[in-house]
Amino acid sequence: MLILALDTSAAASAALVSDGVVLGRFASTDTRSHAEVLAPAVEQLLFDAGVAGTGLDALAVGVGPGPFTGLRAGIATARMLAFVWNVPLHGVMSLDAVALDADHAEGEFAVATDARRKEVYWARYRAGSALPELVDGPHVGPAESVPDLPVYGRGAGLYAGRLAGTAHATELTPDAVALARVAERTLADGGALRATTPLYLRESDAKVPGPRKKALL
């Protein structure tokens, strides 16, 4: 199965994966230029692999949780490409990709990513043979709200002193390669993936302006 995966829940990343083999990958460390870098990165990945977009078996996109601007850039790009190429599109929770990358996790564990505002996005998992099983979440809140378990991901590293549990693999952030593998294994097992509805978990900071005040005479 040839999958193109995109994730912009944190930094922008893209990957082309065929039956578990990574044909190409892109990752940006900039969390504010998703829209500018993603489409050129996809074009370059396909060119380098000698693959046409219409030759893909599926597209997968991270649906968060994440901030509004970042998620919109990735999901809008994935929807547009899927429509133009007539390729099936699947959503994957971005925390699932981090959970898959938590190689040494055993039993129950948690994943936490940076939600800014001194908070984390987090979910609880149970280690499995093929994929970690989502037990609870996703949630957004202070680090103190994460269960007393081993916690993996960048959010755990940022707020290690406030966790009830212990921080592990604090370099982990949502990555398109792991996201593609989550999608590939789920589909291969006959499972269902998510729709591409974004998991914002918060209301937008942008507000509709109120009515203009009348000038005093």
N, C-alpha and C. Protein backbone atom coordinates (compact mmCIF):
# COMPACT_ATOMS: atom_id res chain seq x y z
N MET A 1 0.84 -1.19 0.00
CA MET A 1 0.00 0.00 0.00
C MET A 1 0.88 1.24 0.00
N LEU A 2 0.64 2.13 -0.93
CA LEU A 2 1.41 3.37 -1.06
C LEU A 2 0.60 4.52 -0.46
N ILE A 3 1.14 5.10 0.63
CA ILE A 3 0.41 6.13 1.38
C ILE A 3 1.25 7.40 1.46
N LEU A 4 0.59 8.52 1.19
CA LEU A 4 1.17 9.82 1.47
C LEU A 4 0.52 10.34 2.75
N ALA A 5 1.33 10.67 3.74
CA ALA A 5 0.81 11.14 5.03
C ALA A 5 1.28 12.56 5.29
N LEU A 6 0.40 13.37 5.87
CA LEU A 6 0.71 14.75 6.23
C LEU A 6 0.30 14.98 7.68
N ASP A 7 1.10 15.76 8.39
CA ASP A 7 0.69 16.16 9.74
C ASP A 7 1.19 17.57 10.01
N THR A 8 0.29 18.42 10.49
CA THR A 8 0.64 19.80 10.85
C THR A 8 0.09 20.16 12.22
N SER A 9 -0.05 19.18 13.09
CA SER A 9 -0.56 19.45 14.43
C SER A 9 0.48 20.12 15.30
N ALA A 10 1.75 19.99 14.95
CA ALA A 10 2.84 20.69 15.64
C ALA A 10 3.65 21.37 14.54
N ALA A 11 4.80 20.83 14.19
CA ALA A 11 5.50 21.28 12.99
C ALA A 11 4.88 20.57 11.78
N ALA A 12 5.28 20.98 10.59
CA ALA A 12 4.77 20.35 9.37
C ALA A 12 5.65 19.15 9.02
N SER A 13 5.01 18.02 8.71
CA SER A 13 5.76 16.85 8.25
C SER A 13 4.97 16.14 7.17
N ALA A 14 5.68 15.45 6.30
CA ALA A 14 5.07 14.69 5.22
C ALA A 14 5.93 13.45 4.98
N ALA A 15 5.29 12.38 4.55
CA ALA A 15 6.04 11.14 4.29
C ALA A 15 5.34 10.32 3.22
N LEU A 16 6.14 9.65 2.43
CA LEU A 16 5.66 8.71 1.42
C LEU A 16 6.12 7.32 1.86
N VAL A 17 5.16 6.44 2.14
CA VAL A 17 5.46 5.13 2.71
C VAL A 17 4.79 4.05 1.88
N SER A 18 5.54 3.02 1.52
CA SER A 18 5.01 1.90 0.74
C SER A 18 5.24 0.60 1.48
N ASP A 19 4.16 -0.03 1.94
CA ASP A 19 4.25 -1.30 2.68
C ASP A 19 5.29 -1.23 3.80
N GLY A 20 5.23 -0.15 4.55
CA GLY A 20 6.12 0.02 5.69
C GLY A 20 7.48 0.60 5.38
N VAL A 21 7.83 0.69 4.10
CA VAL A 21 9.13 1.23 3.70
C VAL A 21 9.00 2.73 3.42
N VAL A 22 9.85 3.52 4.03
CA VAL A 22 9.81 4.97 3.85
C VAL A 22 10.53 5.33 2.55
N LEU A 23 9.78 5.84 1.59
CA LEU A 23 10.36 6.25 0.31
C LEU A 23 10.89 7.68 0.36
N GLY A 24 10.35 8.47 1.27
CA GLY A 24 10.80 9.84 1.42
C GLY A 24 10.07 10.48 2.57
N ARG A 25 10.72 11.48 3.19
CA ARG A 25 10.10 12.17 4.31
C ARG A 25 10.55 13.62 4.35
N PHE A 26 9.72 14.45 4.93
CA PHE A 26 10.02 15.87 5.10
C PHE A 26 9.55 16.28 6.49
N ALA A 27 10.33 17.11 7.16
CA ALA A 27 9.93 17.64 8.46
C ALA A 27 10.48 19.04 8.61
N SER A 28 9.66 19.94 9.10
CA SER A 28 10.05 21.31 9.37
C SER A 28 10.08 21.54 10.87
N THR A 29 11.01 22.33 11.33
CA THR A 29 11.05 22.67 12.75
C THR A 29 10.28 23.96 13.04
N ASP A 30 9.83 24.63 11.98
CA ASP A 30 9.09 25.88 12.13
C ASP A 30 7.61 25.56 12.32
N THR A 31 7.03 26.05 13.41
CA THR A 31 5.61 25.77 13.68
C THR A 31 4.69 26.85 13.14
N ARG A 32 5.21 27.76 12.31
CA ARG A 32 4.38 28.87 11.84
C ARG A 32 4.36 29.02 10.32
N SER A 33 4.89 28.05 9.58
CA SER A 33 4.94 28.20 8.12
C SER A 33 4.38 26.97 7.42
N HIS A 34 3.39 26.31 8.03
CA HIS A 34 2.85 25.07 7.46
C HIS A 34 2.36 25.25 6.02
N ALA A 35 1.56 26.28 5.80
CA ALA A 35 0.96 26.46 4.48
C ALA A 35 2.00 26.70 3.41
N GLU A 36 3.09 27.38 3.77
CA GLU A 36 4.11 27.73 2.78
C GLU A 36 4.97 26.53 2.39
N VAL A 37 5.26 25.64 3.34
CA VAL A 37 6.24 24.59 3.08
C VAL A 37 5.62 23.25 2.67
N LEU A 38 4.35 23.02 3.00
CA LEU A 38 3.81 21.67 2.84
C LEU A 38 3.64 21.25 1.38
N ALA A 39 2.99 22.08 0.57
CA ALA A 39 2.76 21.70 -0.83
C ALA A 39 4.06 21.49 -1.60
N PRO A 40 5.05 22.38 -1.50
CA PRO A 40 6.33 22.11 -2.17
C PRO A 40 7.01 20.84 -1.68
N ALA A 41 6.87 20.54 -0.39
CA ALA A 41 7.47 19.32 0.15
C ALA A 41 6.83 18.08 -0.45
N VAL A 42 5.51 18.09 -0.59
CA VAL A 42 4.80 16.96 -1.19
C VAL A 42 5.22 16.79 -2.65
N GLU A 43 5.30 17.88 -3.37
CA GLU A 43 5.72 17.83 -4.77
C GLU A 43 7.11 17.20 -4.90
N GLN A 44 8.02 17.60 -4.01
CA GLN A 44 9.38 17.08 -4.07
C GLN A 44 9.44 15.60 -3.70
N LEU A 45 8.66 15.20 -2.68
CA LEU A 45 8.63 13.79 -2.29
C LEU A 45 8.19 12.90 -3.46
N LEU A 46 7.12 13.30 -4.12
CA LEU A 46 6.60 12.50 -5.24
C LEU A 46 7.60 12.48 -6.40
N PHE A 47 8.20 13.63 -6.67
CA PHE A 47 9.18 13.70 -7.76
C PHE A 47 10.36 12.78 -7.49
N ASP A 48 10.90 12.86 -6.28
CA ASP A 48 12.07 12.05 -5.94
C ASP A 48 11.78 10.56 -6.01
N ALA A 49 10.54 10.17 -5.68
CA ALA A 49 10.18 8.75 -5.68
C ALA A 49 9.68 8.29 -7.05
N GLY A 50 9.50 9.23 -7.98
CA GLY A 50 8.97 8.87 -9.30
C GLY A 50 7.54 8.38 -9.25
N VAL A 51 6.76 9.00 -8.37
CA VAL A 51 5.37 8.58 -8.15
C VAL A 51 4.43 9.72 -8.52
N ALA A 52 3.34 9.40 -9.19
CA ALA A 52 2.30 10.39 -9.47
C ALA A 52 1.27 10.36 -8.36
N GLY A 53 0.67 11.50 -8.08
CA GLY A 53 -0.35 11.55 -7.04
C GLY A 53 -1.49 10.60 -7.30
N THR A 54 -1.84 10.42 -8.56
CA THR A 54 -2.93 9.52 -8.91
C THR A 54 -2.57 8.05 -8.68
N GLY A 55 -1.29 7.78 -8.46
CA GLY A 55 -0.85 6.41 -8.21
C GLY A 55 -0.88 6.01 -6.76
N LEU A 56 -1.23 6.94 -5.87
CA LEU A 56 -1.32 6.62 -4.45
C LEU A 56 -2.51 5.72 -4.16
N ASP A 57 -2.37 4.88 -3.15
CA ASP A 57 -3.49 4.07 -2.68
C ASP A 57 -4.34 4.82 -1.66
N ALA A 58 -3.70 5.73 -0.92
CA ALA A 58 -4.44 6.47 0.10
C ALA A 58 -3.64 7.68 0.54
N LEU A 59 -4.36 8.65 1.07
CA LEU A 59 -3.78 9.78 1.77
C LEU A 59 -4.20 9.70 3.22
N ALA A 60 -3.30 10.04 4.13
CA ALA A 60 -3.63 10.10 5.55
C ALA A 60 -3.20 11.45 6.08
N VAL A 61 -4.02 12.03 6.95
CA VAL A 61 -3.70 13.34 7.49
C VAL A 61 -3.94 13.34 9.00
N GLY A 62 -3.04 13.97 9.72
CA GLY A 62 -3.21 14.11 11.16
C GLY A 62 -4.30 15.11 11.47
N VAL A 63 -5.24 14.73 12.33
CA VAL A 63 -6.37 15.60 12.64
C VAL A 63 -6.23 16.24 14.02
N GLY A 64 -5.04 16.15 14.59
CA GLY A 64 -4.80 16.79 15.87
C GLY A 64 -4.93 15.82 17.02
N PRO A 65 -5.08 16.38 18.22
CA PRO A 65 -5.37 17.79 18.52
C PRO A 65 -4.19 18.71 18.23
N GLY A 66 -4.56 19.96 17.93
CA GLY A 66 -3.56 20.95 17.61
C GLY A 66 -4.21 22.31 17.46
N PRO A 67 -3.41 23.34 17.23
CA PRO A 67 -3.95 24.70 17.08
C PRO A 67 -4.68 24.88 15.76
N PHE A 68 -5.55 25.87 15.70
CA PHE A 68 -6.41 26.08 14.54
C PHE A 68 -5.62 26.26 13.25
N THR A 69 -4.70 27.20 13.24
CA THR A 69 -4.01 27.53 11.99
C THR A 69 -3.23 26.34 11.45
N GLY A 70 -2.49 25.65 12.30
CA GLY A 70 -1.69 24.52 11.86
C GLY A 70 -2.54 23.40 11.30
N LEU A 71 -3.58 23.00 12.04
CA LEU A 71 -4.43 21.90 11.58
C LEU A 71 -5.13 22.24 10.28
N ARG A 72 -5.62 23.46 10.16
CA ARG A 72 -6.33 23.85 8.93
C ARG A 72 -5.42 23.70 7.71
N ALA A 73 -4.15 24.10 7.85
CA ALA A 73 -3.23 24.04 6.71
C ALA A 73 -3.06 22.60 6.23
N GLY A 74 -2.83 21.66 7.14
CA GLY A 74 -2.61 20.28 6.75
C GLY A 74 -3.86 19.60 6.22
N ILE A 75 -4.97 19.80 6.91
CA ILE A 75 -6.20 19.13 6.51
C ILE A 75 -6.72 19.69 5.19
N ALA A 76 -6.64 21.00 5.02
CA ALA A 76 -7.09 21.60 3.75
C ALA A 76 -6.23 21.11 2.59
N THR A 77 -4.93 21.01 2.80
CA THR A 77 -4.05 20.51 1.75
C THR A 77 -4.39 19.06 1.40
N ALA A 78 -4.58 18.23 2.42
CA ALA A 78 -4.89 16.81 2.18
C ALA A 78 -6.22 16.66 1.45
N ARG A 79 -7.22 17.42 1.85
CA ARG A 79 -8.53 17.33 1.19
C ARG A 79 -8.43 17.75 -0.27
N MET A 80 -7.68 18.80 -0.54
CA MET A 80 -7.54 19.27 -1.91
C MET A 80 -6.83 18.23 -2.77
N LEU A 81 -5.73 17.66 -2.25
CA LEU A 81 -4.99 16.66 -3.02
C LEU A 81 -5.82 15.41 -3.26
N ALA A 82 -6.55 14.96 -2.24
CA ALA A 82 -7.39 13.77 -2.39
C ALA A 82 -8.46 13.99 -3.46
N PHE A 83 -9.02 15.19 -3.49
CA PHE A 83 -10.05 15.51 -4.49
C PHE A 83 -9.46 15.54 -5.90
N VAL A 84 -8.33 16.22 -6.04
CA VAL A 84 -7.71 16.36 -7.37
C VAL A 84 -7.24 15.01 -7.91
N TRP A 85 -6.66 14.19 -7.04
CA TRP A 85 -6.10 12.91 -7.47
C TRP A 85 -7.12 11.77 -7.39
N ASN A 86 -8.30 12.03 -6.81
CA ASN A 86 -9.32 10.99 -6.63
C ASN A 86 -8.77 9.80 -5.84
N VAL A 87 -8.18 10.12 -4.69
CA VAL A 87 -7.55 9.13 -3.81
C VAL A 87 -8.28 9.12 -2.48
N PRO A 88 -8.53 7.95 -1.87
CA PRO A 88 -9.18 7.91 -0.56
C PRO A 88 -8.39 8.69 0.49
N LEU A 89 -9.10 9.42 1.34
CA LEU A 89 -8.47 10.22 2.38
C LEU A 89 -8.93 9.74 3.75
N HIS A 90 -7.98 9.58 4.68
CA HIS A 90 -8.28 9.09 6.02
C HIS A 90 -7.67 10.03 7.06
N GLY A 91 -8.38 10.20 8.15
CA GLY A 91 -7.85 10.97 9.27
C GLY A 91 -7.25 10.05 10.31
N VAL A 92 -6.17 10.51 10.94
CA VAL A 92 -5.51 9.78 12.03
C VAL A 92 -5.27 10.76 13.16
N MET A 93 -5.62 10.40 14.38
CA MET A 93 -5.31 11.28 15.50
C MET A 93 -3.79 11.38 15.65
N SER A 94 -3.29 12.60 15.71
CA SER A 94 -1.85 12.81 15.72
C SER A 94 -1.18 12.19 16.94
N LEU A 95 -1.87 12.13 18.07
CA LEU A 95 -1.31 11.50 19.26
C LEU A 95 -1.08 10.01 19.05
N ASP A 96 -1.87 9.38 18.16
CA ASP A 96 -1.66 7.96 17.86
C ASP A 96 -0.29 7.72 17.23
N ALA A 97 0.18 8.70 16.45
CA ALA A 97 1.50 8.57 15.82
C ALA A 97 2.60 8.61 16.88
N VAL A 98 2.44 9.50 17.87
CA VAL A 98 3.42 9.57 18.95
C VAL A 98 3.39 8.28 19.76
N ALA A 99 2.19 7.75 20.01
CA ALA A 99 2.06 6.50 20.77
C ALA A 99 2.77 5.36 20.05
N LEU A 100 2.67 5.31 18.72
CA LEU A 100 3.35 4.26 17.96
C LEU A 100 4.86 4.40 18.07
N ASP A 101 5.34 5.65 18.12
CA ASP A 101 6.78 5.89 18.21
C ASP A 101 7.33 5.65 19.61
N ALA A 102 6.45 5.47 20.60
CA ALA A 102 6.90 5.21 21.98
C ALA A 102 7.31 3.74 22.08
N ASP A 103 8.46 3.41 21.51
CA ASP A 103 8.87 2.02 21.28
C ASP A 103 8.92 1.15 22.54
N HIS A 104 9.34 1.72 23.65
CA HIS A 104 9.57 0.90 24.84
C HIS A 104 8.41 0.96 25.84
N ALA A 105 7.30 1.52 25.41
CA ALA A 105 6.15 1.61 26.32
C ALA A 105 5.57 0.22 26.57
N GLU A 106 5.22 -0.03 27.83
CA GLU A 106 4.58 -1.30 28.21
C GLU A 106 3.35 -1.00 29.06
N GLY A 107 2.38 -1.90 28.99
CA GLY A 107 1.17 -1.71 29.78
C GLY A 107 0.47 -0.42 29.37
N GLU A 108 -0.04 0.32 30.35
CA GLU A 108 -0.68 1.59 30.04
C GLU A 108 0.33 2.73 30.14
N PHE A 109 0.17 3.70 29.26
CA PHE A 109 1.03 4.87 29.25
C PHE A 109 0.25 6.03 28.67
N ALA A 110 0.82 7.21 28.76
CA ALA A 110 0.18 8.40 28.21
C ALA A 110 1.11 9.08 27.22
N VAL A 111 0.51 9.84 26.33
CA VAL A 111 1.23 10.65 25.36
C VAL A 111 0.83 12.10 25.60
N ALA A 112 1.80 13.01 25.57
CA ALA A 112 1.50 14.43 25.77
C ALA A 112 2.29 15.27 24.78
N THR A 113 1.62 16.20 24.11
CA THR A 113 2.28 17.14 23.22
C THR A 113 2.00 18.56 23.71
N ASP A 114 2.76 19.49 23.20
CA ASP A 114 2.66 20.87 23.66
C ASP A 114 1.39 21.53 23.13
N ALA A 115 0.55 22.01 24.04
CA ALA A 115 -0.67 22.72 23.65
C ALA A 115 -0.53 24.23 23.85
N ARG A 116 0.67 24.66 24.21
CA ARG A 116 0.92 26.07 24.53
C ARG A 116 0.06 26.47 25.73
N ARG A 117 0.09 27.74 26.11
CA ARG A 117 -0.65 28.24 27.28
C ARG A 117 -0.32 27.44 28.54
N LYS A 118 0.88 26.84 28.59
CA LYS A 118 1.32 26.02 29.71
C LYS A 118 0.42 24.80 29.92
N GLU A 119 -0.10 24.26 28.81
CA GLU A 119 -0.96 23.07 28.86
C GLU A 119 -0.45 22.03 27.87
N VAL A 120 -1.03 20.83 27.94
CA VAL A 120 -0.66 19.75 27.02
C VAL A 120 -1.92 19.14 26.42
N TYR A 121 -1.77 18.62 25.21
CA TYR A 121 -2.75 17.69 24.64
C TYR A 121 -2.31 16.30 25.08
N TRP A 122 -3.24 15.49 25.58
CA TRP A 122 -2.81 14.18 26.04
C TRP A 122 -3.89 13.12 25.81
N ALA A 123 -3.43 11.88 25.78
CA ALA A 123 -4.32 10.72 25.67
C ALA A 123 -3.66 9.54 26.36
N ARG A 124 -4.49 8.61 26.77
CA ARG A 124 -4.02 7.42 27.50
C ARG A 124 -4.11 6.21 26.58
N TYR A 125 -3.09 5.36 26.62
CA TYR A 125 -3.00 4.20 25.72
C TYR A 125 -2.66 2.93 26.49
N ARG A 126 -2.90 1.81 25.83
CA ARG A 126 -2.45 0.51 26.31
C ARG A 126 -1.60 -0.12 25.21
N ALA A 127 -0.39 -0.52 25.53
CA ALA A 127 0.50 -1.10 24.54
C ALA A 127 -0.13 -2.34 23.91
N GLY A 128 0.01 -2.49 22.59
CA GLY A 128 -0.53 -3.64 21.87
C GLY A 128 0.50 -4.24 20.95
N SER A 129 0.19 -5.37 20.35
CA SER A 129 1.15 -6.07 19.50
C SER A 129 1.38 -5.34 18.18
N ALA A 130 0.32 -4.77 17.61
CA ALA A 130 0.45 -4.08 16.33
C ALA A 130 0.40 -2.57 16.51
N LEU A 131 -0.61 -2.10 17.25
CA LEU A 131 -0.79 -0.68 17.50
C LEU A 131 -1.19 -0.46 18.95
N PRO A 132 -0.77 0.64 19.55
CA PRO A 132 -1.27 0.96 20.89
C PRO A 132 -2.79 1.18 20.83
N GLU A 133 -3.48 0.77 21.89
CA GLU A 133 -4.93 0.93 21.97
C GLU A 133 -5.26 2.21 22.73
N LEU A 134 -6.07 3.06 22.13
CA LEU A 134 -6.51 4.28 22.79
C LEU A 134 -7.49 3.92 23.91
N VAL A 135 -7.17 4.33 25.13
CA VAL A 135 -8.01 4.03 26.30
C VAL A 135 -8.86 5.24 26.67
N ASP A 136 -8.27 6.44 26.58
CA ASP A 136 -8.98 7.65 26.99
C ASP A 136 -8.36 8.85 26.29
N GLY A 137 -9.22 9.78 25.89
CA GLY A 137 -8.73 11.00 25.27
C GLY A 137 -9.18 11.13 23.83
N PRO A 138 -8.79 12.24 23.20
CA PRO A 138 -7.79 13.21 23.67
C PRO A 138 -8.38 14.28 24.59
N HIS A 139 -7.49 14.89 25.37
CA HIS A 139 -7.85 15.97 26.28
C HIS A 139 -6.84 17.10 26.14
N VAL A 140 -7.22 18.27 26.64
CA VAL A 140 -6.29 19.37 26.77
C VAL A 140 -6.40 19.90 28.19
N GLY A 141 -5.25 20.20 28.81
CA GLY A 141 -5.28 20.69 30.17
C GLY A 141 -3.89 20.80 30.74
N PRO A 142 -3.78 21.17 32.00
CA PRO A 142 -2.47 21.28 32.63
C PRO A 142 -1.81 19.92 32.76
N ALA A 143 -0.49 19.91 32.89
CA ALA A 143 0.24 18.65 33.00
C ALA A 143 -0.22 17.83 34.19
N GLU A 144 -0.70 18.50 35.22
CA GLU A 144 -1.17 17.79 36.41
C GLU A 144 -2.39 16.92 36.13
N SER A 145 -3.09 17.16 35.02
CA SER A 145 -4.28 16.37 34.69
C SER A 145 -3.95 15.05 34.02
N VAL A 146 -2.69 14.86 33.61
CA VAL A 146 -2.28 13.61 32.96
C VAL A 146 -2.17 12.52 34.03
N PRO A 147 -2.69 11.31 33.78
CA PRO A 147 -2.65 10.24 34.78
C PRO A 147 -1.23 9.89 35.23
N ASP A 148 -1.15 9.27 36.40
CA ASP A 148 0.13 8.85 36.99
C ASP A 148 0.64 7.61 36.26
N LEU A 149 1.22 7.85 35.09
CA LEU A 149 1.71 6.80 34.20
C LEU A 149 3.00 7.28 33.55
N PRO A 150 3.76 6.40 32.91
CA PRO A 150 4.85 6.89 32.05
C PRO A 150 4.25 7.77 30.95
N VAL A 151 4.84 8.93 30.72
CA VAL A 151 4.30 9.88 29.74
C VAL A 151 5.35 10.15 28.67
N TYR A 152 4.96 9.95 27.41
CA TYR A 152 5.87 10.09 26.27
C TYR A 152 5.50 11.34 25.47
N GLY A 153 6.52 12.00 24.92
CA GLY A 153 6.28 13.11 24.03
C GLY A 153 6.85 14.42 24.53
N ARG A 154 6.89 15.39 23.64
CA ARG A 154 7.51 16.68 23.96
C ARG A 154 6.79 17.40 25.09
N GLY A 155 5.49 17.24 25.17
CA GLY A 155 4.75 17.87 26.26
C GLY A 155 5.21 17.37 27.61
N ALA A 156 5.57 16.09 27.68
CA ALA A 156 6.07 15.53 28.94
C ALA A 156 7.40 16.17 29.32
N GLY A 157 8.24 16.41 28.34
CA GLY A 157 9.53 17.02 28.63
C GLY A 157 9.41 18.47 29.08
N LEU A 158 8.49 19.20 28.47
CA LEU A 158 8.32 20.61 28.81
C LEU A 158 7.84 20.79 30.25
N TYR A 159 7.02 19.86 30.71
CA TYR A 159 6.40 20.01 32.03
C TYR A 159 6.67 18.80 32.93
N ALA A 160 7.86 18.24 32.81
CA ALA A 160 8.20 17.03 33.56
C ALA A 160 8.01 17.20 35.07
N GLY A 161 8.33 18.37 35.58
CA GLY A 161 8.22 18.60 37.01
C GLY A 161 6.81 18.70 37.52
N ARG A 162 5.85 18.82 36.62
CA ARG A 162 4.45 18.94 37.03
C ARG A 162 3.65 17.66 36.79
N LEU A 163 4.28 16.65 36.22
CA LEU A 163 3.59 15.39 35.95
C LEU A 163 3.50 14.54 37.21
N ALA A 164 2.39 13.80 37.32
CA ALA A 164 2.30 12.79 38.38
C ALA A 164 3.17 11.60 38.05
N GLY A 165 3.28 11.29 36.75
CA GLY A 165 4.12 10.18 36.29
C GLY A 165 5.50 10.67 35.89
N THR A 166 6.21 9.86 35.12
CA THR A 166 7.57 10.18 34.69
C THR A 166 7.62 10.41 33.18
N ALA A 167 8.49 11.33 32.78
CA ALA A 167 8.61 11.70 31.37
C ALA A 167 9.57 10.77 30.65
N HIS A 168 9.21 10.40 29.41
CA HIS A 168 10.06 9.52 28.58
C HIS A 168 10.04 10.03 27.14
N ALA A 169 11.12 9.76 26.41
CA ALA A 169 11.19 10.07 24.97
C ALA A 169 10.64 11.46 24.69
N THR A 170 11.20 12.44 25.37
CA THR A 170 10.65 13.79 25.34
C THR A 170 10.91 14.53 24.02
N GLU A 171 11.61 13.89 23.10
CA GLU A 171 11.81 14.50 21.78
C GLU A 171 10.66 14.18 20.82
N LEU A 172 9.78 13.27 21.19
CA LEU A 172 8.75 12.81 20.27
C LEU A 172 7.67 13.86 20.02
N THR A 173 7.40 14.11 18.75
CA THR A 173 6.28 14.94 18.31
C THR A 173 5.56 14.18 17.19
N PRO A 174 4.32 14.55 16.87
CA PRO A 174 3.63 13.86 15.78
C PRO A 174 4.44 13.89 14.49
N ASP A 175 4.60 12.73 13.87
CA ASP A 175 5.45 12.60 12.68
C ASP A 175 4.67 11.86 11.59
N ALA A 176 4.83 12.32 10.35
CA ALA A 176 4.06 11.76 9.25
C ALA A 176 4.41 10.30 8.95
N VAL A 177 5.65 9.88 9.21
CA VAL A 177 6.01 8.48 8.98
C VAL A 177 5.21 7.57 9.90
N ALA A 178 5.20 7.89 11.20
CA ALA A 178 4.43 7.08 12.14
C ALA A 178 2.95 7.15 11.83
N LEU A 179 2.48 8.32 11.41
CA LEU A 179 1.07 8.47 11.06
C LEU A 179 0.70 7.56 9.89
N ALA A 180 1.58 7.49 8.88
CA ALA A 180 1.34 6.61 7.74
C ALA A 180 1.29 5.15 8.18
N ARG A 181 2.15 4.77 9.11
CA ARG A 181 2.17 3.38 9.58
C ARG A 181 0.93 3.05 10.39
N VAL A 182 0.44 4.01 11.17
CA VAL A 182 -0.83 3.79 11.88
C VAL A 182 -1.95 3.53 10.87
N ALA A 183 -2.01 4.36 9.83
CA ALA A 183 -3.05 4.20 8.81
C ALA A 183 -2.89 2.87 8.08
N GLU A 184 -1.67 2.54 7.70
CA GLU A 184 -1.41 1.32 6.94
C GLU A 184 -1.81 0.07 7.74
N ARG A 185 -1.40 0.01 9.01
CA ARG A 185 -1.70 -1.17 9.83
C ARG A 185 -3.18 -1.27 10.13
N THR A 186 -3.82 -0.14 10.37
CA THR A 186 -5.26 -0.16 10.64
C THR A 186 -6.04 -0.66 9.43
N LEU A 187 -5.71 -0.14 8.27
CA LEU A 187 -6.42 -0.54 7.05
C LEU A 187 -6.12 -2.00 6.70
N ALA A 188 -4.88 -2.43 6.92
CA ALA A 188 -4.51 -3.82 6.62
C ALA A 188 -5.28 -4.80 7.49
N ASP A 189 -5.60 -4.38 8.72
CA ASP A 189 -6.35 -5.24 9.64
C ASP A 189 -7.86 -5.10 9.47
N GLY A 190 -8.27 -4.33 8.47
CA GLY A 190 -9.70 -4.15 8.22
C GLY A 190 -10.36 -3.16 9.15
N GLY A 191 -9.56 -2.37 9.86
CA GLY A 191 -10.10 -1.39 10.79
C GLY A 191 -10.52 -0.12 10.08
N ALA A 192 -11.19 0.74 10.83
CA ALA A 192 -11.67 2.02 10.29
C ALA A 192 -10.85 3.16 10.87
N LEU A 193 -10.53 4.11 10.05
CA LEU A 193 -9.84 5.32 10.49
C LEU A 193 -10.85 6.45 10.69
N ARG A 194 -10.36 7.58 11.11
CA ARG A 194 -11.22 8.71 11.40
C ARG A 194 -11.60 9.49 10.14
N ALA A 195 -12.64 10.31 10.27
CA ALA A 195 -12.90 11.34 9.28
C ALA A 195 -11.84 12.42 9.45
N THR A 196 -11.85 13.41 8.60
CA THR A 196 -10.82 14.45 8.67
C THR A 196 -11.30 15.67 9.45
N THR A 197 -12.26 15.49 10.32
CA THR A 197 -12.72 16.58 11.19
C THR A 197 -11.61 16.92 12.18
N PRO A 198 -11.18 18.17 12.24
CA PRO A 198 -10.07 18.52 13.12
C PRO A 198 -10.45 18.47 14.60
N LEU A 199 -9.50 18.03 15.41
CA LEU A 199 -9.67 17.97 16.86
C LEU A 199 -9.03 19.22 17.46
N TYR A 200 -9.79 20.28 17.54
CA TYR A 200 -9.23 21.52 18.08
C TYR A 200 -9.17 21.49 19.61
N LEU A 201 -10.20 20.96 20.25
CA LEU A 201 -10.33 20.85 21.70
C LEU A 201 -10.47 22.18 22.43
N ARG A 202 -10.23 23.26 21.74
CA ARG A 202 -10.40 24.60 22.32
C ARG A 202 -11.21 25.46 21.36
N GLU A 203 -11.82 26.50 21.90
CA GLU A 203 -12.45 27.49 21.04
C GLU A 203 -11.36 28.37 20.43
N SER A 204 -11.68 28.92 19.29
CA SER A 204 -10.71 29.78 18.60
C SER A 204 -10.43 31.04 19.40
N ASP A 205 -9.19 31.51 19.32
CA ASP A 205 -8.84 32.78 19.94
C ASP A 205 -9.44 33.97 19.16
N ALA A 206 -9.73 33.72 17.89
CA ALA A 206 -10.29 34.79 17.07
C ALA A 206 -11.76 34.99 17.42
N LYS A 207 -12.17 36.19 17.62
CA LYS A 207 -13.54 36.51 17.99
C LYS A 207 -14.16 37.45 16.97
N VAL A 208 -15.46 37.27 16.73
CA VAL A 208 -16.18 38.19 15.86
C VAL A 208 -16.32 39.51 16.60
N PRO A 209 -15.93 40.61 15.98
CA PRO A 209 -16.05 41.91 16.67
C PRO A 209 -17.49 42.20 17.04
N GLY A 210 -17.69 42.83 18.18
CA GLY A 210 -19.03 43.23 18.60
C GLY A 210 -19.49 44.45 17.83
N PRO A 211 -20.74 44.85 18.05
CA PRO A 211 -21.27 46.04 17.35
C PRO A 211 -20.50 47.29 17.75
N ARG A 212 -20.35 48.18 16.82
CA ARG A 212 -19.63 49.43 17.09
C ARG A 212 -20.41 50.27 18.09
N LYS A 213 -19.70 50.89 18.99
CA LYS A 213 -20.35 51.76 19.95
C LYS A 213 -20.82 53.03 19.27
N LYS A 214 -21.97 53.49 19.70
CA LYS A 214 -22.47 54.74 19.16
C LYS A 214 -21.67 55.90 19.71
N ALA A 215 -21.36 56.82 18.85
CA ALA A 215 -20.63 58.01 19.28
C ALA A 215 -21.52 58.89 20.13
N LEU A 216 -20.96 59.43 21.17
CA LEU A 216 -21.72 60.34 22.03
C LEU A 216 -21.81 61.71 21.40
N LEU A 217 -22.98 62.28 21.45
CA LEU A 217 -23.18 63.62 20.87
C LEU A 217 -22.82 64.68 21.89
